[in-house]
Amino acid sequence: MKVSPSSLQWRKSSRSGNNGACVEVAAAADLVAARDSKDPDGPVLVFSRARWASFLAGLNE
């Protein structure tokens, strides 16, 4: 599935400061996309929901 980053609804943590050092995420169908808030037109990483869940679980270990 090809997803246009501009068509996604990006969000970031409400705890993020205004320094731009944040990761933004967006969900689309069965995918989750992530990008650097400092470079919204830059590269986007795309994960399946299962891989994203594994990534988040690893952060909590």
PDB file of N, CA and C in Angstrom:
ATOM      1  N   MET A   1       0.833  -1.172   0.000  1.00  0.00           N
ATOM      2  CA  MET A   1       0.000   0.000   0.000  1.00  0.00           C
ATOM      3  C   MET A   1       0.880   1.237   0.000  1.00  0.00           C
ATOM      4  N   LYS A   2       0.641   2.130  -0.907  1.00  0.00           N
ATOM      5  CA  LYS A   2       1.394   3.378  -0.967  1.00  0.00           C
ATOM      6  C   LYS A   2       0.563   4.475  -0.315  1.00  0.00           C
ATOM      7  N   VAL A   3       1.181   5.191   0.610  1.00  0.00           N
ATOM      8  CA  VAL A   3       0.497   6.242   1.346  1.00  0.00           C
ATOM      9  C   VAL A   3       1.264   7.540   1.165  1.00  0.00           C
ATOM     10  N   SER A   4       0.548   8.604   0.861  1.00  0.00           N
ATOM     11  CA  SER A   4       1.172   9.917   0.739  1.00  0.00           C
ATOM     12  C   SER A   4       1.279  10.548   2.127  1.00  0.00           C
ATOM     13  N   PRO A   5       2.486  10.921   2.557  1.00  0.00           N
ATOM     14  CA  PRO A   5       2.635  11.517   3.887  1.00  0.00           C
ATOM     15  C   PRO A   5       1.757  12.750   4.099  1.00  0.00           C
ATOM     16  N   SER A   6       1.505  13.507   3.045  1.00  0.00           N
ATOM     17  CA  SER A   6       0.688  14.714   3.200  1.00  0.00           C
ATOM     18  C   SER A   6      -0.781  14.395   3.449  1.00  0.00           C
ATOM     19  N   SER A   7      -1.195  13.168   3.155  1.00  0.00           N
ATOM     20  CA  SER A   7      -2.595  12.797   3.368  1.00  0.00           C
ATOM     21  C   SER A   7      -2.848  12.241   4.768  1.00  0.00           C
ATOM     22  N   LEU A   8      -1.796  12.077   5.554  1.00  0.00           N
ATOM     23  CA  LEU A   8      -1.928  11.500   6.887  1.00  0.00           C
ATOM     24  C   LEU A   8      -2.180  12.574   7.941  1.00  0.00           C
ATOM     25  N   GLN A   9      -2.801  12.170   9.028  1.00  0.00           N
ATOM     26  CA  GLN A   9      -3.009  13.062  10.163  1.00  0.00           C
ATOM     27  C   GLN A   9      -1.912  12.775  11.184  1.00  0.00           C
ATOM     28  N   TRP A  10      -0.885  13.599  11.187  1.00  0.00           N
ATOM     29  CA  TRP A  10       0.279  13.403  12.037  1.00  0.00           C
ATOM     30  C   TRP A  10       0.000  13.904  13.445  1.00  0.00           C
ATOM     31  N   ARG A  11       0.582  13.213  14.436  1.00  0.00           N
ATOM     32  CA  ARG A  11       0.439  13.639  15.828  1.00  0.00           C
ATOM     33  C   ARG A  11       1.744  13.388  16.567  1.00  0.00           C
ATOM     34  N   LYS A  12       1.907  14.114  17.668  1.00  0.00           N
ATOM     35  CA  LYS A  12       3.076  13.922  18.521  1.00  0.00           C
ATOM     36  C   LYS A  12       2.637  14.053  19.969  1.00  0.00           C
ATOM     37  N   SER A  13       3.487  13.665  20.859  1.00  0.00           N
ATOM     38  CA  SER A  13       3.169  13.671  22.280  1.00  0.00           C
ATOM     39  C   SER A  13       2.821  15.074  22.761  1.00  0.00           C
ATOM     40  N   SER A  14       1.837  15.149  23.633  1.00  0.00           N
ATOM     41  CA  SER A  14       1.486  16.437  24.241  1.00  0.00           C
ATOM     42  C   SER A  14       2.590  16.904  25.192  1.00  0.00           C
ATOM     43  N   ARG A  15       3.503  16.009  25.538  1.00  0.00           N
ATOM     44  CA  ARG A  15       4.627  16.357  26.408  1.00  0.00           C
ATOM     45  C   ARG A  15       5.817  16.896  25.626  1.00  0.00           C
ATOM     46  N   SER A  16       5.694  16.960  24.320  1.00  0.00           N
ATOM     47  CA  SER A  16       6.778  17.461  23.484  1.00  0.00           C
ATOM     48  C   SER A  16       6.957  18.954  23.705  1.00  0.00           C
ATOM     49  N   GLY A  17       8.194  19.367  23.728  1.00  0.00           N
ATOM     50  CA  GLY A  17       8.478  20.792  23.823  1.00  0.00           C
ATOM     51  C   GLY A  17       8.368  21.436  22.451  1.00  0.00           C
ATOM     52  N   ASN A  18       8.724  22.692  22.368  1.00  0.00           N
ATOM     53  CA  ASN A  18       8.666  23.414  21.095  1.00  0.00           C
ATOM     54  C   ASN A  18      10.012  23.456  20.392  1.00  0.00           C
ATOM     55  N   ASN A  19      10.942  22.589  20.801  1.00  0.00           N
ATOM     56  CA  ASN A  19      12.275  22.609  20.199  1.00  0.00           C
ATOM     57  C   ASN A  19      12.369  21.769  18.933  1.00  0.00           C
ATOM     58  N   GLY A  20      11.291  21.089  18.552  1.00  0.00           N
ATOM     59  CA  GLY A  20      11.279  20.320  17.316  1.00  0.00           C
ATOM     60  C   GLY A  20      11.977  18.980  17.384  1.00  0.00           C
ATOM     61  N   ALA A  21      12.363  18.543  18.559  1.00  0.00           N
ATOM     62  CA  ALA A  21      13.061  17.262  18.694  1.00  0.00           C
ATOM     63  C   ALA A  21      12.062  16.158  19.018  1.00  0.00           C
ATOM     64  N   CYS A  22      11.122  15.951  18.124  1.00  0.00           N
ATOM     65  CA  CYS A  22      10.040  15.001  18.382  1.00  0.00           C
ATOM     66  C   CYS A  22       9.888  14.024  17.221  1.00  0.00           C
ATOM     67  N   VAL A  23       9.274  12.913  17.536  1.00  0.00           N
ATOM     68  CA  VAL A  23       8.862  11.959  16.518  1.00  0.00           C
ATOM     69  C   VAL A  23       7.363  12.140  16.339  1.00  0.00           C
ATOM     70  N   GLU A  24       6.919  12.245  15.104  1.00  0.00           N
ATOM     71  CA  GLU A  24       5.494  12.318  14.806  1.00  0.00           C
ATOM     72  C   GLU A  24       5.068  10.982  14.231  1.00  0.00           C
ATOM     73  N   VAL A  25       3.863  10.553  14.564  1.00  0.00           N
ATOM     74  CA  VAL A  25       3.339   9.292  14.049  1.00  0.00           C
ATOM     75  C   VAL A  25       1.973   9.529  13.419  1.00  0.00           C
ATOM     76  N   ALA A  26       1.634   8.645  12.491  1.00  0.00           N
ATOM     77  CA  ALA A  26       0.331   8.687  11.833  1.00  0.00           C
ATOM     78  C   ALA A  26      -0.074   7.260  11.503  1.00  0.00           C
ATOM     79  N   ALA A  27      -1.356   6.985  11.615  1.00  0.00           N
ATOM     80  CA  ALA A  27      -1.874   5.654  11.298  1.00  0.00           C
ATOM     81  C   ALA A  27      -2.650   5.719   9.991  1.00  0.00           C
ATOM     82  N   ALA A  28      -2.487   4.680   9.183  1.00  0.00           N
ATOM     83  CA  ALA A  28      -3.211   4.570   7.916  1.00  0.00           C
ATOM     84  C   ALA A  28      -3.514   3.103   7.675  1.00  0.00           C
ATOM     85  N   ALA A  29      -4.790   2.770   7.664  1.00  0.00           N
ATOM     86  CA  ALA A  29      -5.225   1.386   7.433  1.00  0.00           C
ATOM     87  C   ALA A  29      -4.462   0.440   8.354  1.00  0.00           C
ATOM     88  N   ASP A  30      -3.638  -0.433   7.793  1.00  0.00           N
ATOM     89  CA  ASP A  30      -2.903  -1.401   8.612  1.00  0.00           C
ATOM     90  C   ASP A  30      -1.442  -1.009   8.804  1.00  0.00           C
ATOM     91  N   LEU A  31      -1.131   0.276   8.609  1.00  0.00           N
ATOM     92  CA  LEU A  31       0.243   0.754   8.714  1.00  0.00           C
ATOM     93  C   LEU A  31       0.366   1.869   9.742  1.00  0.00           C
ATOM     94  N   VAL A  32       1.584   2.053  10.246  1.00  0.00           N
ATOM     95  CA  VAL A  32       1.916   3.187  11.101  1.00  0.00           C
ATOM     96  C   VAL A  32       3.145   3.847  10.490  1.00  0.00           C
ATOM     97  N   ALA A  33       3.097   5.162  10.340  1.00  0.00           N
ATOM     98  CA  ALA A  33       4.209   5.912   9.768  1.00  0.00           C
ATOM     99  C   ALA A  33       4.834   6.780  10.857  1.00  0.00           C
ATOM    100  N   ALA A  34       6.139   7.013  10.764  1.00  0.00           N
ATOM    101  CA  ALA A  34       6.858   7.851  11.725  1.00  0.00           C
ATOM    102  C   ALA A  34       7.805   8.766  10.962  1.00  0.00           C
ATOM    103  N   ARG A  35       7.948   9.996  11.479  1.00  0.00           N
ATOM    104  CA  ARG A  35       8.862  10.960  10.853  1.00  0.00           C
ATOM    105  C   ARG A  35       9.429  11.889  11.917  1.00  0.00           C
ATOM    106  N   ASP A  36      10.458  12.617  11.547  1.00  0.00           N
ATOM    107  CA  ASP A  36      11.109  13.595  12.418  1.00  0.00           C
ATOM    108  C   ASP A  36      10.349  14.914  12.298  1.00  0.00           C
ATOM    109  N   SER A  37       9.909  15.464  13.417  1.00  0.00           N
ATOM    110  CA  SER A  37       9.131  16.706  13.367  1.00  0.00           C
ATOM    111  C   SER A  37       9.946  17.889  12.853  1.00  0.00           C
ATOM    112  N   LYS A  38      11.275  17.816  12.948  1.00  0.00           N
ATOM    113  CA  LYS A  38      12.123  18.896  12.428  1.00  0.00           C
ATOM    114  C   LYS A  38      12.169  18.905  10.908  1.00  0.00           C
ATOM    115  N   ASP A  39      11.810  17.784  10.289  1.00  0.00           N
ATOM    116  CA  ASP A  39      11.899  17.650   8.833  1.00  0.00           C
ATOM    117  C   ASP A  39      10.635  16.970   8.298  1.00  0.00           C
ATOM    118  N   PRO A  40       9.480  17.649   8.360  1.00  0.00           N
ATOM    119  CA  PRO A  40       8.227  17.012   7.960  1.00  0.00           C
ATOM    120  C   PRO A  40       8.173  16.589   6.492  1.00  0.00           C
ATOM    121  N   ASP A  41       9.020  17.166   5.658  1.00  0.00           N
ATOM    122  CA  ASP A  41       9.056  16.766   4.248  1.00  0.00           C
ATOM    123  C   ASP A  41      10.137  15.727   3.978  1.00  0.00           C
ATOM    124  N   GLY A  42      10.817  15.293   5.025  1.00  0.00           N
ATOM    125  CA  GLY A  42      11.893  14.321   4.897  1.00  0.00           C
ATOM    126  C   GLY A  42      11.384  12.893   4.856  1.00  0.00           C
ATOM    127  N   PRO A  43      12.278  11.945   5.093  1.00  0.00           N
ATOM    128  CA  PRO A  43      11.927  10.527   5.017  1.00  0.00           C
ATOM    129  C   PRO A  43      10.873  10.127   6.045  1.00  0.00           C
ATOM    130  N   VAL A  44      10.085   9.143   5.665  1.00  0.00           N
ATOM    131  CA  VAL A  44       9.049   8.585   6.534  1.00  0.00           C
ATOM    132  C   VAL A  44       9.307   7.089   6.667  1.00  0.00           C
ATOM    133  N   LEU A  45       9.334   6.608   7.894  1.00  0.00           N
ATOM    134  CA  LEU A  45       9.455   5.171   8.141  1.00  0.00           C
ATOM    135  C   LEU A  45       8.052   4.595   8.246  1.00  0.00           C
ATOM    136  N   VAL A  46       7.815   3.470   7.582  1.00  0.00           N
ATOM    137  CA  VAL A  46       6.489   2.849   7.585  1.00  0.00           C
ATOM    138  C   VAL A  46       6.609   1.445   8.162  1.00  0.00           C
ATOM    139  N   PHE A  47       5.732   1.134   9.106  1.00  0.00           N
ATOM    140  CA  PHE A  47       5.724  -0.149   9.801  1.00  0.00           C
ATOM    141  C   PHE A  47       4.346  -0.785   9.691  1.00  0.00           C
ATOM    142  N   SER A  48       4.305  -2.106   9.711  1.00  0.00           N
ATOM    143  CA  SER A  48       3.017  -2.777   9.903  1.00  0.00           C
ATOM    144  C   SER A  48       2.613  -2.509  11.353  1.00  0.00           C
ATOM    145  N   ARG A  49       1.340  -2.637  11.658  1.00  0.00           N
ATOM    146  CA  ARG A  49       0.899  -2.412  13.042  1.00  0.00           C
ATOM    147  C   ARG A  49       1.552  -3.410  13.995  1.00  0.00           C
ATOM    148  N   ALA A  50       1.753  -4.634  13.540  1.00  0.00           N
ATOM    149  CA  ALA A  50       2.400  -5.645  14.386  1.00  0.00           C
ATOM    150  C   ALA A  50       3.847  -5.255  14.689  1.00  0.00           C
ATOM    151  N   ARG A  51       4.577  -4.790  13.690  1.00  0.00           N
ATOM    152  CA  ARG A  51       5.976  -4.378  13.904  1.00  0.00           C
ATOM    153  C   ARG A  51       6.041  -3.151  14.811  1.00  0.00           C
ATOM    154  N   TRP A  52       5.103  -2.221  14.630  1.00  0.00           N
ATOM    155  CA  TRP A  52       5.066  -1.023  15.470  1.00  0.00           C
ATOM    156  C   TRP A  52       4.812  -1.415  16.931  1.00  0.00           C
ATOM    157  N   ALA A  53       3.881  -2.347  17.142  1.00  0.00           N
ATOM    158  CA  ALA A  53       3.589  -2.821  18.497  1.00  0.00           C
ATOM    159  C   ALA A  53       4.828  -3.470  19.114  1.00  0.00           C
ATOM    160  N   SER A  54       5.571  -4.232  18.327  1.00  0.00           N
ATOM    161  CA  SER A  54       6.812  -4.854  18.818  1.00  0.00           C
ATOM    162  C   SER A  54       7.847  -3.795  19.170  1.00  0.00           C
ATOM    163  N   PHE A  55       7.956  -2.774  18.342  1.00  0.00           N
ATOM    164  CA  PHE A  55       8.882  -1.669  18.596  1.00  0.00           C
ATOM    165  C   PHE A  55       8.539  -0.983  19.918  1.00  0.00           C
ATOM    166  N   LEU A  56       7.267  -0.657  20.121  1.00  0.00           N
ATOM    167  CA  LEU A  56       6.848   0.000  21.357  1.00  0.00           C
ATOM    168  C   LEU A  56       7.065  -0.896  22.571  1.00  0.00           C
ATOM    169  N   ALA A  57       6.802  -2.183  22.423  1.00  0.00           N
ATOM    170  CA  ALA A  57       7.025  -3.121  23.525  1.00  0.00           C
ATOM    171  C   ALA A  57       8.505  -3.152  23.899  1.00  0.00           C
ATOM    172  N   GLY A  58       9.381  -3.103  22.902  1.00  0.00           N
ATOM    173  CA  GLY A  58      10.815  -3.089  23.159  1.00  0.00           C
ATOM    174  C   GLY A  58      11.262  -1.839  23.896  1.00  0.00           C
ATOM    175  N   LEU A  59      10.606  -0.716  23.651  1.00  0.00           N
ATOM    176  CA  LEU A  59      10.946   0.517  24.361  1.00  0.00           C
ATOM    177  C   LEU A  59      10.611   0.430  25.840  1.00  0.00           C
ATOM    178  N   ASN A  60       9.613  -0.347  26.153  1.00  0.00           N
ATOM    179  CA  ASN A  60       9.161  -0.457  27.540  1.00  0.00           C
ATOM    180  C   ASN A  60       9.912  -1.512  28.339  1.00  0.00           C
ATOM    181  N   GLU A  61      10.826  -2.221  27.717  1.00  0.00           N
ATOM    182  CA  GLU A  61      11.579  -3.265  28.436  1.00  0.00           C
ATOM    183  C   GLU A  61      12.715  -2.669  29.227  1.00  0.00           C
TER     184      GLU A  61
END
